Amino acid sequence: MKALIQRVLNAKVTVDQKIVGQIGQGLLIFLGVVKGDEKENADFLARKICNLRIFEDENGKMNKSLLDIKGEALIVSQFTLCGDVTRGNRPGFEAAAEPLKANELYEYFIDQVQKQGVFVQHGVFGADMKVKLLNDGPVTFWLEK
């Protein structure tokens, strides 16, 4: 499982020009599910992401977590994170999990982040989505499990 997380002041995702998810300060999480991923991968990433100390404290140091600041999360499925661009110029997606399994783990991941006590909004699995964000920093991290 792969997650690209961005610290944001706000973010939203639209489908067919309708807002389906919108947050204020927090994290925009792009999630890719790889073949072989299981619930344990989602559990680990949910805990790790919610507890990462990547928000500034009163001294300007990255010392607070999403939970500490009572931040929000916008979770967007993104199978292209599983893309392989090492051969040729066209990405291959053989590593991406089959859609039914990927959606199951995507929804499970959303639930696990919510269980951490985070307000969560999300995109629509498999839809053509437009994402707009105001990156804070910018602060961006890549996580895999």
Protein backbone atom coordinates (compact mmCIF):
# COMPACT_ATOMS: atom_id res chain seq x y z
CA MET A 1 0.00 0.00 0.00
CA LYS A 2 1.30 3.40 -0.95
CA ALA A 3 0.29 6.79 0.39
CA LEU A 4 1.33 10.22 -0.77
CA ILE A 5 0.38 12.72 1.92
CA GLN A 6 0.37 16.48 1.67
CA ARG A 7 -0.09 18.91 4.52
CA VAL A 8 -2.82 21.32 3.42
CA LEU A 9 -4.63 24.39 4.63
CA ASN A 10 -7.64 23.15 2.66
CA ALA A 11 -8.48 20.69 -0.10
CA LYS A 12 -11.46 19.46 -2.05
CA VAL A 13 -12.28 16.78 -4.58
CA THR A 14 -14.98 17.05 -7.22
CA VAL A 15 -16.69 14.52 -9.48
CA ASP A 16 -18.77 15.79 -12.41
CA GLN A 17 -18.30 19.35 -11.10
CA LYS A 18 -19.84 18.46 -7.70
CA ILE A 19 -17.84 18.61 -4.50
CA VAL A 20 -17.78 15.12 -2.98
CA GLY A 21 -15.22 15.82 -0.25
CA GLN A 22 -13.79 18.95 1.32
CA ILE A 23 -11.56 19.67 4.34
CA GLY A 24 -9.87 22.52 6.13
CA GLN A 25 -6.44 22.18 7.72
CA GLY A 26 -5.08 18.67 7.69
CA LEU A 27 -3.83 16.06 5.25
CA LEU A 28 -4.67 15.20 1.68
CA ILE A 29 -3.95 11.48 1.37
CA PHE A 30 -3.60 9.83 -2.03
CA LEU A 31 -3.84 6.06 -1.53
CA GLY A 32 -2.72 3.32 -3.90
CA VAL A 33 -3.44 -0.34 -3.19
CA VAL A 34 -0.90 -2.87 -4.45
CA LYS A 35 -1.43 -6.57 -5.19
CA GLY A 36 -0.91 -8.51 -2.00
CA ASP A 37 -1.99 -5.71 0.34
CA GLU A 38 -4.12 -6.73 3.31
CA LYS A 39 -5.89 -4.99 6.19
CA GLU A 40 -2.65 -5.00 8.19
CA ASN A 41 -1.11 -2.64 5.61
CA ALA A 42 -4.03 -0.23 6.00
CA ASP A 43 -3.92 -0.47 9.81
CA PHE A 44 -0.23 0.42 9.86
CA LEU A 45 -0.56 3.36 7.46
CA ALA A 46 -3.64 4.76 9.21
CA ARG A 47 -1.87 4.77 12.59
CA LYS A 48 1.38 6.10 11.12
CA ILE A 49 -0.24 8.92 9.16
CA CYS A 50 -2.47 10.08 12.02
CA ASN A 51 0.47 10.18 14.42
CA LEU A 52 3.18 11.65 12.15
CA ARG A 53 4.49 14.81 13.77
CA ILE A 54 4.52 17.00 10.67
CA PHE A 55 2.55 20.03 11.86
CA GLU A 56 4.30 22.99 13.46
CA ASP A 57 4.24 23.66 17.18
CA GLU A 58 4.39 27.11 18.78
CA ASN A 59 8.15 27.22 18.05
CA GLY A 60 7.75 26.50 14.35
CA LYS A 61 9.08 22.94 14.66
CA MET A 62 7.36 19.91 13.13
CA ASN A 63 6.24 18.45 16.43
CA LYS A 64 2.46 17.98 16.23
CA SER A 65 0.38 15.26 14.63
CA LEU A 66 -2.91 15.38 12.78
CA LEU A 67 -4.53 14.23 16.01
CA ASP A 68 -2.78 16.94 18.05
CA ILE A 69 -4.09 19.74 15.86
CA LYS A 70 -7.51 18.12 15.43
CA GLY A 71 -6.92 18.25 11.69
CA GLU A 72 -9.00 16.70 8.95
CA ALA A 73 -8.19 14.17 6.23
CA LEU A 74 -9.25 14.02 2.60
CA ILE A 75 -8.57 10.51 1.25
CA VAL A 76 -8.45 9.98 -2.51
CA SER A 77 -7.90 6.63 -4.22
CA GLN A 78 -5.13 6.80 -6.80
CA PHE A 79 -4.11 3.61 -8.57
CA THR A 80 -1.47 5.51 -10.57
CA LEU A 81 0.71 5.46 -7.43
CA CYS A 82 1.17 1.78 -8.30
CA GLY A 83 2.36 2.60 -11.81
CA ASP A 84 5.70 1.36 -13.12
CA VAL A 85 7.54 3.76 -15.41
CA THR A 86 10.90 2.00 -15.47
CA ARG A 87 10.45 0.55 -18.97
CA GLY A 88 9.47 2.62 -21.96
CA ASN A 89 7.37 5.77 -21.77
CA ARG A 90 3.97 4.32 -21.00
CA PRO A 91 3.24 3.36 -17.38
CA GLY A 92 2.33 -0.21 -16.52
CA PHE A 93 -0.14 -0.94 -13.76
CA GLU A 94 0.45 -4.65 -13.21
CA ALA A 95 1.30 -4.00 -9.54
CA ALA A 96 -2.07 -2.37 -8.79
CA ALA A 97 -4.56 -4.47 -6.89
CA GLU A 98 -7.66 -5.72 -8.67
CA PRO A 99 -10.41 -3.04 -8.37
CA LEU A 100 -12.76 -4.95 -6.02
CA LYS A 101 -9.93 -5.70 -3.58
CA ALA A 102 -8.52 -2.17 -3.92
CA ASN A 103 -11.90 -0.59 -3.17
CA GLU A 104 -12.40 -2.87 -0.16
CA LEU A 105 -9.04 -1.84 1.30
CA TYR A 106 -9.58 1.83 0.39
CA GLU A 107 -12.86 1.86 2.33
CA TYR A 108 -11.24 -0.06 5.19
CA PHE A 109 -8.42 2.52 5.32
CA ILE A 110 -10.98 5.34 5.51
CA ASP A 111 -12.65 3.57 8.45
CA GLN A 112 -9.32 3.10 10.24
CA VAL A 113 -8.42 6.78 9.94
CA GLN A 114 -11.88 7.70 11.28
CA LYS A 115 -11.39 5.29 14.20
CA GLN A 116 -8.26 7.26 15.12
CA GLY A 117 -10.59 10.20 15.77
CA VAL A 118 -10.00 12.16 12.55
CA PHE A 119 -12.77 13.86 10.57
CA VAL A 120 -12.54 12.23 7.13
CA GLN A 121 -13.87 13.15 3.71
CA HIS A 122 -13.05 11.12 0.61
CA GLY A 123 -13.27 10.87 -3.13
CA VAL A 124 -15.20 8.35 -5.21
CA PHE A 125 -13.28 5.16 -5.96
CA GLY A 126 -12.62 4.74 -9.68
CA ALA A 127 -14.14 8.08 -10.66
CA ASP A 128 -12.53 10.81 -12.74
CA MET A 129 -11.81 13.26 -9.93
CA LYS A 130 -10.49 16.79 -9.82
CA VAL A 131 -8.49 17.66 -6.71
CA LYS A 132 -7.78 21.21 -5.59
CA LEU A 133 -5.55 21.96 -2.64
CA LEU A 134 -3.66 24.69 -0.87
CA ASN A 135 -0.43 22.97 0.15
CA ASP A 136 0.98 24.10 3.49
CA GLY A 137 4.75 24.36 3.39
CA PRO A 138 4.84 22.58 1.02
CA VAL A 139 5.11 19.45 3.15
CA THR A 140 4.77 16.15 1.28
CA PHE A 141 5.69 12.60 2.33
CA TRP A 142 5.65 9.19 0.64
CA LEU A 143 4.80 6.15 2.78
CA GLU A 144 4.67 2.47 1.90
CA LYS A 145 3.72 -0.64 3.84
